[in-house]
Amino acid sequence: MRVVPRLTGGPSFDATTLDQRTFEQVFRASHREFADVIGADDPNPSRFAKAGGELLSWHGQTDQLVPTPGTVDHRQRVERALGGAGRVDDFYRLFLLPGVDHCVPGGAGPFPTDDLGALVDRVEKGRASATLAASVTGADGRTVTRDVCRCPMVARCTGHGDPASAANFRCS
Protein backbone atom coordinates (compact mmCIF):
# COMPACT_ATOMS: atom_id res chain seq x y z
CA MET A 1 0.00 0.00 0.00
CA ARG A 2 1.28 3.49 -0.86
CA VAL A 3 1.38 6.17 1.86
CA VAL A 4 -1.20 8.78 0.96
CA PRO A 5 0.10 12.38 0.73
CA ARG A 6 -0.51 14.46 3.88
CA LEU A 7 -0.88 11.16 5.72
CA THR A 8 -4.41 10.14 4.83
CA GLY A 9 -5.66 12.09 1.86
CA GLY A 10 -8.76 13.25 3.68
CA PRO A 11 -11.67 12.08 5.78
CA SER A 12 -12.53 9.21 3.45
CA PHE A 13 -9.24 7.45 4.26
CA ASP A 14 -9.89 4.03 5.84
CA ALA A 15 -7.17 3.34 8.43
CA THR A 16 -8.34 -0.28 8.73
CA THR A 17 -6.75 -0.96 5.33
CA LEU A 18 -3.22 -0.30 6.62
CA ASP A 19 -0.81 -3.19 6.90
CA GLN A 20 1.99 -3.07 9.51
CA ARG A 21 4.63 -1.73 7.12
CA THR A 22 2.38 1.04 5.82
CA PHE A 23 1.23 1.95 9.34
CA GLU A 24 4.87 2.42 10.34
CA GLN A 25 5.49 4.62 7.28
CA VAL A 26 2.43 6.76 8.05
CA PHE A 27 3.44 7.00 11.70
CA ARG A 28 6.97 8.16 10.85
CA ALA A 29 5.61 10.65 8.30
CA SER A 30 3.15 12.07 10.83
CA HIS A 31 5.95 12.48 13.36
CA ARG A 32 8.13 14.31 10.83
CA GLU A 33 5.27 16.59 9.82
CA PHE A 34 3.67 17.38 13.16
CA ALA A 35 6.16 16.79 16.01
CA ASP A 36 7.28 20.43 16.05
CA VAL A 37 3.68 21.54 16.43
CA ILE A 38 2.06 19.01 18.76
CA GLY A 39 4.91 16.78 19.93
CA ALA A 40 5.11 16.33 23.68
CA ASP A 41 7.98 13.89 24.00
CA ASP A 42 11.01 16.20 24.17
CA PRO A 43 12.92 15.02 27.24
CA ASN A 44 14.63 18.36 27.69
CA PRO A 45 12.15 21.07 28.70
CA SER A 46 14.93 23.30 30.06
CA ARG A 47 13.75 26.33 28.05
CA PHE A 48 10.26 25.84 29.51
CA ALA A 49 11.70 25.65 33.03
CA LYS A 50 14.01 28.65 32.56
CA ALA A 51 11.04 30.69 31.32
CA GLY A 52 9.29 30.00 34.63
CA GLY A 53 7.02 27.24 33.31
CA GLU A 54 5.24 25.02 35.78
CA LEU A 55 3.88 21.60 34.82
CA LEU A 56 1.48 19.54 36.88
CA SER A 57 0.65 16.29 35.16
CA TRP A 58 -1.53 13.39 36.24
CA HIS A 59 -2.24 10.08 34.58
CA GLY A 60 -5.01 7.61 35.32
CA GLN A 61 -3.50 4.16 35.70
CA THR A 62 -6.47 2.45 34.04
CA ASP A 63 -6.31 4.81 31.05
CA GLN A 64 -7.60 2.83 28.09
CA LEU A 65 -5.95 5.06 25.47
CA VAL A 66 -2.56 6.20 26.75
CA PRO A 67 -0.44 3.65 28.61
CA THR A 68 0.87 4.88 31.97
CA PRO A 69 4.41 3.50 31.45
CA GLY A 70 4.94 5.96 28.58
CA THR A 71 4.21 8.91 30.87
CA VAL A 72 6.49 7.53 33.59
CA ASP A 73 9.22 6.90 31.00
CA HIS A 74 8.93 10.49 29.77
CA ARG A 75 9.30 11.84 33.31
CA GLN A 76 12.38 9.61 33.83
CA ARG A 77 13.93 10.83 30.56
CA VAL A 78 13.36 14.43 31.67
CA GLU A 79 15.08 13.63 34.98
CA ARG A 80 18.08 12.14 33.14
CA ALA A 81 18.29 15.13 30.80
CA LEU A 82 18.09 17.74 33.56
CA GLY A 83 20.12 16.16 36.34
CA GLY A 84 17.72 14.25 38.56
CA ALA A 85 14.32 14.26 40.21
CA GLY A 86 15.14 17.11 42.60
CA ARG A 87 15.81 19.55 39.78
CA VAL A 88 12.78 18.43 37.82
CA ASP A 89 10.46 18.63 40.84
CA ASP A 90 11.23 22.35 40.92
CA PHE A 91 8.89 22.83 37.94
CA TYR A 92 7.28 19.47 37.01
CA ARG A 93 5.19 17.17 39.19
CA LEU A 94 3.64 13.89 38.03
CA PHE A 95 0.79 12.14 39.86
CA LEU A 96 -0.38 8.61 39.07
CA LEU A 97 -4.01 7.88 39.92
CA PRO A 98 -4.83 4.20 40.55
CA GLY A 99 -8.14 3.10 39.09
CA VAL A 100 -8.70 6.29 37.05
CA ASP A 101 -9.62 6.13 33.36
CA HIS A 102 -8.68 8.47 30.50
CA CYS A 103 -9.09 12.21 31.29
CA VAL A 104 -12.52 12.12 32.93
CA PRO A 105 -14.00 10.79 36.15
CA GLY A 106 -14.51 7.11 35.60
CA GLY A 107 -13.16 3.87 36.86
CA ALA A 108 -12.95 2.80 40.47
CA GLY A 109 -10.29 5.23 41.65
CA PRO A 110 -10.47 8.71 43.15
CA PHE A 111 -10.32 11.47 40.52
CA PRO A 112 -8.61 14.86 41.12
CA THR A 113 -10.99 17.38 42.67
CA ASP A 114 -8.97 20.55 42.05
CA ASP A 115 -5.91 19.91 39.90
CA LEU A 116 -6.18 23.37 38.35
CA GLY A 117 -6.25 24.90 41.83
CA ALA A 118 -3.04 23.01 42.68
CA LEU A 119 -1.37 24.44 39.57
CA VAL A 120 -2.61 27.97 40.38
CA ASP A 121 -1.21 27.63 43.92
CA ARG A 122 2.13 26.63 42.40
CA VAL A 123 2.24 29.47 39.89
CA GLU A 124 0.70 32.28 41.94
CA LYS A 125 1.71 31.37 45.50
CA GLY A 126 4.86 29.30 44.99
CA ARG A 127 3.36 26.30 46.81
CA ALA A 128 4.27 23.04 45.08
CA SER A 129 1.82 20.20 45.67
CA ALA A 130 3.18 17.02 47.21
CA THR A 131 -0.31 15.54 46.78
CA LEU A 132 -3.45 16.04 44.70
CA ALA A 133 -6.80 15.80 46.46
CA ALA A 134 -9.04 13.22 44.81
CA SER A 135 -12.38 11.55 45.45
CA VAL A 136 -14.79 9.01 44.01
CA THR A 137 -18.30 7.94 44.89
CA GLY A 138 -18.46 4.17 45.09
CA ALA A 139 -21.28 1.95 43.89
CA ASP A 140 -22.54 1.93 47.48
CA GLY A 141 -22.89 5.74 47.37
CA ARG A 142 -20.05 6.26 49.82
CA THR A 143 -17.38 8.87 49.04
CA VAL A 144 -13.76 7.73 49.10
CA THR A 145 -11.09 10.45 49.35
CA ARG A 146 -7.38 10.19 48.70
CA ASP A 147 -4.43 12.51 48.61
CA VAL A 148 -2.64 11.18 45.53
CA CYS A 149 1.11 11.31 46.06
CA ARG A 150 3.55 12.72 43.52
CA CYS A 151 5.38 10.07 41.58
CA PRO A 152 7.25 7.91 42.52
CA MET A 153 5.57 7.87 45.95
CA VAL A 154 2.28 6.12 46.65
CA ALA A 155 -0.42 6.52 49.30
CA ARG A 156 -0.22 3.80 51.95
CA CYS A 157 -2.84 3.19 54.61
CA THR A 158 -1.68 3.89 58.16
CA GLY A 159 -3.74 0.95 59.42
CA HIS A 160 -5.87 3.21 61.58
CA GLY A 161 -9.23 4.89 60.97
CA ASP A 162 -11.60 4.76 58.03
CA PRO A 163 -9.90 3.41 54.86
CA ALA A 164 -12.23 5.61 52.80
CA SER A 165 -10.65 8.77 54.25
CA ALA A 166 -7.53 10.43 52.85
CA ALA A 167 -6.59 11.39 56.42
CA ASN A 168 -5.63 7.77 57.08
CA PHE A 169 -3.04 7.51 54.31
CA ARG A 170 0.56 8.73 54.04
CA CYS A 171 2.89 9.10 51.08
CA SER A 172 5.81 6.71 51.03
C-alpha atoms as a PDB file:
ATOM      1  CA  MET A   1       0.000   0.000   0.000  1.00  0.00           C
ATOM      2  CA  ARG A   2       1.275   3.492  -0.859  1.00  0.00           C
ATOM      3  CA  VAL A   3       1.381   6.174   1.858  1.00  0.00           C
ATOM      4  CA  VAL A   4      -1.200   8.782   0.963  1.00  0.00           C
ATOM      5  CA  PRO A   5       0.105  12.379   0.730  1.00  0.00           C
ATOM      6  CA  ARG A   6      -0.510  14.460   3.875  1.00  0.00           C
ATOM      7  CA  LEU A   7      -0.884  11.163   5.721  1.00  0.00           C
ATOM      8  CA  THR A   8      -4.405  10.136   4.834  1.00  0.00           C
ATOM      9  CA  GLY A   9      -5.657  12.087   1.855  1.00  0.00           C
ATOM     10  CA  GLY A  10      -8.760  13.252   3.681  1.00  0.00           C
ATOM     11  CA  PRO A  11     -11.671  12.077   5.784  1.00  0.00           C
ATOM     12  CA  SER A  12     -12.529   9.214   3.447  1.00  0.00           C
ATOM     13  CA  PHE A  13      -9.242   7.447   4.256  1.00  0.00           C
ATOM     14  CA  ASP A  14      -9.888   4.028   5.839  1.00  0.00           C
ATOM     15  CA  ALA A  15      -7.174   3.338   8.434  1.00  0.00           C
ATOM     16  CA  THR A  16      -8.337  -0.279   8.731  1.00  0.00           C
ATOM     17  CA  THR A  17      -6.750  -0.956   5.327  1.00  0.00           C
ATOM     18  CA  LEU A  18      -3.220  -0.302   6.621  1.00  0.00           C
ATOM     19  CA  ASP A  19      -0.814  -3.195   6.898  1.00  0.00           C
ATOM     20  CA  GLN A  20       1.989  -3.067   9.506  1.00  0.00           C
ATOM     21  CA  ARG A  21       4.630  -1.731   7.118  1.00  0.00           C
ATOM     22  CA  THR A  22       2.378   1.041   5.820  1.00  0.00           C
ATOM     23  CA  PHE A  23       1.230   1.947   9.335  1.00  0.00           C
ATOM     24  CA  GLU A  24       4.866   2.420  10.338  1.00  0.00           C
ATOM     25  CA  GLN A  25       5.486   4.618   7.279  1.00  0.00           C
ATOM     26  CA  VAL A  26       2.426   6.762   8.049  1.00  0.00           C
ATOM     27  CA  PHE A  27       3.439   6.997  11.702  1.00  0.00           C
ATOM     28  CA  ARG A  28       6.973   8.162  10.848  1.00  0.00           C
ATOM     29  CA  ALA A  29       5.609  10.647   8.303  1.00  0.00           C
ATOM     30  CA  SER A  30       3.151  12.070  10.832  1.00  0.00           C
ATOM     31  CA  HIS A  31       5.946  12.476  13.358  1.00  0.00           C
ATOM     32  CA  ARG A  32       8.128  14.314  10.828  1.00  0.00           C
ATOM     33  CA  GLU A  33       5.272  16.592   9.818  1.00  0.00           C
ATOM     34  CA  PHE A  34       3.667  17.377  13.163  1.00  0.00           C
ATOM     35  CA  ALA A  35       6.161  16.790  16.012  1.00  0.00           C
ATOM     36  CA  ASP A  36       7.284  20.428  16.053  1.00  0.00           C
ATOM     37  CA  VAL A  37       3.678  21.544  16.433  1.00  0.00           C
ATOM     38  CA  ILE A  38       2.062  19.007  18.757  1.00  0.00           C
ATOM     39  CA  GLY A  39       4.911  16.778  19.929  1.00  0.00           C
ATOM     40  CA  ALA A  40       5.108  16.328  23.683  1.00  0.00           C
ATOM     41  CA  ASP A  41       7.978  13.885  23.998  1.00  0.00           C
ATOM     42  CA  ASP A  42      11.007  16.200  24.167  1.00  0.00           C
ATOM     43  CA  PRO A  43      12.916  15.015  27.238  1.00  0.00           C
ATOM     44  CA  ASN A  44      14.626  18.364  27.688  1.00  0.00           C
ATOM     45  CA  PRO A  45      12.150  21.075  28.701  1.00  0.00           C
ATOM     46  CA  SER A  46      14.934  23.303  30.063  1.00  0.00           C
ATOM     47  CA  ARG A  47      13.751  26.328  28.045  1.00  0.00           C
ATOM     48  CA  PHE A  48      10.257  25.839  29.508  1.00  0.00           C
ATOM     49  CA  ALA A  49      11.701  25.646  33.033  1.00  0.00           C
ATOM     50  CA  LYS A  50      14.005  28.653  32.558  1.00  0.00           C
ATOM     51  CA  ALA A  51      11.043  30.692  31.322  1.00  0.00           C
ATOM     52  CA  GLY A  52       9.286  30.003  34.628  1.00  0.00           C
ATOM     53  CA  GLY A  53       7.024  27.245  33.308  1.00  0.00           C
ATOM     54  CA  GLU A  54       5.235  25.019  35.783  1.00  0.00           C
ATOM     55  CA  LEU A  55       3.883  21.600  34.824  1.00  0.00           C
ATOM     56  CA  LEU A  56       1.483  19.539  36.878  1.00  0.00           C
ATOM     57  CA  SER A  57       0.645  16.289  35.164  1.00  0.00           C
ATOM     58  CA  TRP A  58      -1.533  13.392  36.239  1.00  0.00           C
ATOM     59  CA  HIS A  59      -2.236  10.084  34.585  1.00  0.00           C
ATOM     60  CA  GLY A  60      -5.006   7.607  35.317  1.00  0.00           C
ATOM     61  CA  GLN A  61      -3.504   4.165  35.699  1.00  0.00           C
ATOM     62  CA  THR A  62      -6.468   2.454  34.042  1.00  0.00           C
ATOM     63  CA  ASP A  63      -6.307   4.813  31.052  1.00  0.00           C
ATOM     64  CA  GLN A  64      -7.596   2.826  28.089  1.00  0.00           C
ATOM     65  CA  LEU A  65      -5.953   5.058  25.471  1.00  0.00           C
ATOM     66  CA  VAL A  66      -2.565   6.205  26.751  1.00  0.00           C
ATOM     67  CA  PRO A  67      -0.438   3.649  28.613  1.00  0.00           C
ATOM     68  CA  THR A  68       0.873   4.879  31.972  1.00  0.00           C
ATOM     69  CA  PRO A  69       4.408   3.500  31.448  1.00  0.00           C
ATOM     70  CA  GLY A  70       4.936   5.959  28.583  1.00  0.00           C
ATOM     71  CA  THR A  71       4.209   8.909  30.866  1.00  0.00           C
ATOM     72  CA  VAL A  72       6.485   7.528  33.587  1.00  0.00           C
ATOM     73  CA  ASP A  73       9.218   6.901  31.000  1.00  0.00           C
ATOM     74  CA  HIS A  74       8.928  10.490  29.768  1.00  0.00           C
ATOM     75  CA  ARG A  75       9.305  11.842  33.312  1.00  0.00           C
ATOM     76  CA  GLN A  76      12.384   9.614  33.834  1.00  0.00           C
ATOM     77  CA  ARG A  77      13.926  10.830  30.558  1.00  0.00           C
ATOM     78  CA  VAL A  78      13.358  14.434  31.674  1.00  0.00           C
ATOM     79  CA  GLU A  79      15.083  13.629  34.977  1.00  0.00           C
ATOM     80  CA  ARG A  80      18.081  12.135  33.145  1.00  0.00           C
ATOM     81  CA  ALA A  81      18.295  15.127  30.799  1.00  0.00           C
ATOM     82  CA  LEU A  82      18.087  17.738  33.565  1.00  0.00           C
ATOM     83  CA  GLY A  83      20.124  16.163  36.343  1.00  0.00           C
ATOM     84  CA  GLY A  84      17.720  14.254  38.557  1.00  0.00           C
ATOM     85  CA  ALA A  85      14.325  14.263  40.214  1.00  0.00           C
ATOM     86  CA  GLY A  86      15.144  17.109  42.604  1.00  0.00           C
ATOM     87  CA  ARG A  87      15.810  19.549  39.782  1.00  0.00           C
ATOM     88  CA  VAL A  88      12.777  18.425  37.817  1.00  0.00           C
ATOM     89  CA  ASP A  89      10.459  18.627  40.836  1.00  0.00           C
ATOM     90  CA  ASP A  90      11.227  22.348  40.916  1.00  0.00           C
ATOM     91  CA  PHE A  91       8.886  22.830  37.943  1.00  0.00           C
ATOM     92  CA  TYR A  92       7.284  19.473  37.013  1.00  0.00           C
ATOM     93  CA  ARG A  93       5.187  17.169  39.194  1.00  0.00           C
ATOM     94  CA  LEU A  94       3.643  13.893  38.034  1.00  0.00           C
ATOM     95  CA  PHE A  95       0.792  12.144  39.857  1.00  0.00           C
ATOM     96  CA  LEU A  96      -0.378   8.606  39.066  1.00  0.00           C
ATOM     97  CA  LEU A  97      -4.009   7.884  39.922  1.00  0.00           C
ATOM     98  CA  PRO A  98      -4.828   4.199  40.550  1.00  0.00           C
ATOM     99  CA  GLY A  99      -8.143   3.098  39.088  1.00  0.00           C
ATOM    100  CA  VAL A 100      -8.705   6.286  37.054  1.00  0.00           C
ATOM    101  CA  ASP A 101      -9.625   6.135  33.358  1.00  0.00           C
ATOM    102  CA  HIS A 102      -8.679   8.473  30.498  1.00  0.00           C
ATOM    103  CA  CYS A 103      -9.095  12.206  31.294  1.00  0.00           C
ATOM    104  CA  VAL A 104     -12.521  12.118  32.931  1.00  0.00           C
ATOM    105  CA  PRO A 105     -14.001  10.786  36.148  1.00  0.00           C
ATOM    106  CA  GLY A 106     -14.505   7.109  35.600  1.00  0.00           C
ATOM    107  CA  GLY A 107     -13.163   3.869  36.864  1.00  0.00           C
ATOM    108  CA  ALA A 108     -12.952   2.800  40.473  1.00  0.00           C
ATOM    109  CA  GLY A 109     -10.286   5.232  41.646  1.00  0.00           C
ATOM    110  CA  PRO A 110     -10.473   8.706  43.152  1.00  0.00           C
ATOM    111  CA  PHE A 111     -10.322  11.474  40.519  1.00  0.00           C
ATOM    112  CA  PRO A 112      -8.614  14.864  41.122  1.00  0.00           C
ATOM    113  CA  THR A 113     -10.994  17.376  42.671  1.00  0.00           C
ATOM    114  CA  ASP A 114      -8.965  20.554  42.051  1.00  0.00           C
ATOM    115  CA  ASP A 115      -5.912  19.914  39.897  1.00  0.00           C
ATOM    116  CA  LEU A 116      -6.175  23.375  38.346  1.00  0.00           C
ATOM    117  CA  GLY A 117      -6.247  24.895  41.833  1.00  0.00           C
ATOM    118  CA  ALA A 118      -3.043  23.008  42.675  1.00  0.00           C
ATOM    119  CA  LEU A 119      -1.373  24.442  39.566  1.00  0.00           C
ATOM    120  CA  VAL A 120      -2.612  27.966  40.377  1.00  0.00           C
ATOM    121  CA  ASP A 121      -1.209  27.626  43.920  1.00  0.00           C
ATOM    122  CA  ARG A 122       2.128  26.633  42.401  1.00  0.00           C
ATOM    123  CA  VAL A 123       2.242  29.468  39.893  1.00  0.00           C
ATOM    124  CA  GLU A 124       0.704  32.281  41.943  1.00  0.00           C
ATOM    125  CA  LYS A 125       1.712  31.365  45.503  1.00  0.00           C
ATOM    126  CA  GLY A 126       4.858  29.304  44.991  1.00  0.00           C
ATOM    127  CA  ARG A 127       3.363  26.295  46.813  1.00  0.00           C
ATOM    128  CA  ALA A 128       4.265  23.036  45.076  1.00  0.00           C
ATOM    129  CA  SER A 129       1.825  20.202  45.674  1.00  0.00           C
ATOM    130  CA  ALA A 130       3.177  17.024  47.211  1.00  0.00           C
ATOM    131  CA  THR A 131      -0.309  15.536  46.779  1.00  0.00           C
ATOM    132  CA  LEU A 132      -3.449  16.039  44.702  1.00  0.00           C
ATOM    133  CA  ALA A 133      -6.801  15.804  46.458  1.00  0.00           C
ATOM    134  CA  ALA A 134      -9.039  13.220  44.808  1.00  0.00           C
ATOM    135  CA  SER A 135     -12.381  11.546  45.447  1.00  0.00           C
ATOM    136  CA  VAL A 136     -14.795   9.014  44.006  1.00  0.00           C
ATOM    137  CA  THR A 137     -18.301   7.942  44.886  1.00  0.00           C
ATOM    138  CA  GLY A 138     -18.457   4.175  45.090  1.00  0.00           C
ATOM    139  CA  ALA A 139     -21.280   1.945  43.891  1.00  0.00           C
ATOM    140  CA  ASP A 140     -22.536   1.929  47.478  1.00  0.00           C
ATOM    141  CA  GLY A 141     -22.893   5.743  47.371  1.00  0.00           C
ATOM    142  CA  ARG A 142     -20.049   6.265  49.822  1.00  0.00           C
ATOM    143  CA  THR A 143     -17.382   8.865  49.041  1.00  0.00           C
ATOM    144  CA  VAL A 144     -13.763   7.731  49.100  1.00  0.00           C
ATOM    145  CA  THR A 145     -11.088  10.448  49.350  1.00  0.00           C
ATOM    146  CA  ARG A 146      -7.379  10.189  48.697  1.00  0.00           C
ATOM    147  CA  ASP A 147      -4.428  12.509  48.611  1.00  0.00           C
ATOM    148  CA  VAL A 148      -2.639  11.175  45.530  1.00  0.00           C
ATOM    149  CA  CYS A 149       1.115  11.311  46.059  1.00  0.00           C
ATOM    150  CA  ARG A 150       3.549  12.717  43.524  1.00  0.00           C
ATOM    151  CA  CYS A 151       5.375  10.071  41.580  1.00  0.00           C
ATOM    152  CA  PRO A 152       7.246   7.909  42.521  1.00  0.00           C
ATOM    153  CA  MET A 153       5.572   7.870  45.951  1.00  0.00           C
ATOM    154  CA  VAL A 154       2.277   6.116  46.648  1.00  0.00           C
ATOM    155  CA  ALA A 155      -0.416   6.523  49.303  1.00  0.00           C
ATOM    156  CA  ARG A 156      -0.217   3.805  51.948  1.00  0.00           C
ATOM    157  CA  CYS A 157      -2.842   3.188  54.607  1.00  0.00           C
ATOM    158  CA  THR A 158      -1.678   3.888  58.160  1.00  0.00           C
ATOM    159  CA  GLY A 159      -3.745   0.950  59.425  1.00  0.00           C
ATOM    160  CA  HIS A 160      -5.875   3.212  61.584  1.00  0.00           C
ATOM    161  CA  GLY A 161      -9.225   4.885  60.966  1.00  0.00           C
ATOM    162  CA  ASP A 162     -11.603   4.759  58.030  1.00  0.00           C
ATOM    163  CA  PRO A 163      -9.899   3.411  54.865  1.00  0.00           C
ATOM    164  CA  ALA A 164     -12.228   5.614  52.798  1.00  0.00           C
ATOM    165  CA  SER A 165     -10.649   8.771  54.249  1.00  0.00           C
ATOM    166  CA  ALA A 166      -7.529  10.431  52.855  1.00  0.00           C
ATOM    167  CA  ALA A 167      -6.590  11.385  56.422  1.00  0.00           C
ATOM    168  CA  ASN A 168      -5.626   7.768  57.084  1.00  0.00           C
ATOM    169  CA  PHE A 169      -3.037   7.506  54.308  1.00  0.00           C
ATOM    170  CA  ARG A 170       0.562   8.731  54.038  1.00  0.00           C
ATOM    171  CA  CYS A 171       2.886   9.096  51.077  1.00  0.00           C
ATOM    172  CA  SER A 172       5.808   6.711  51.031  1.00  0.00           C
END
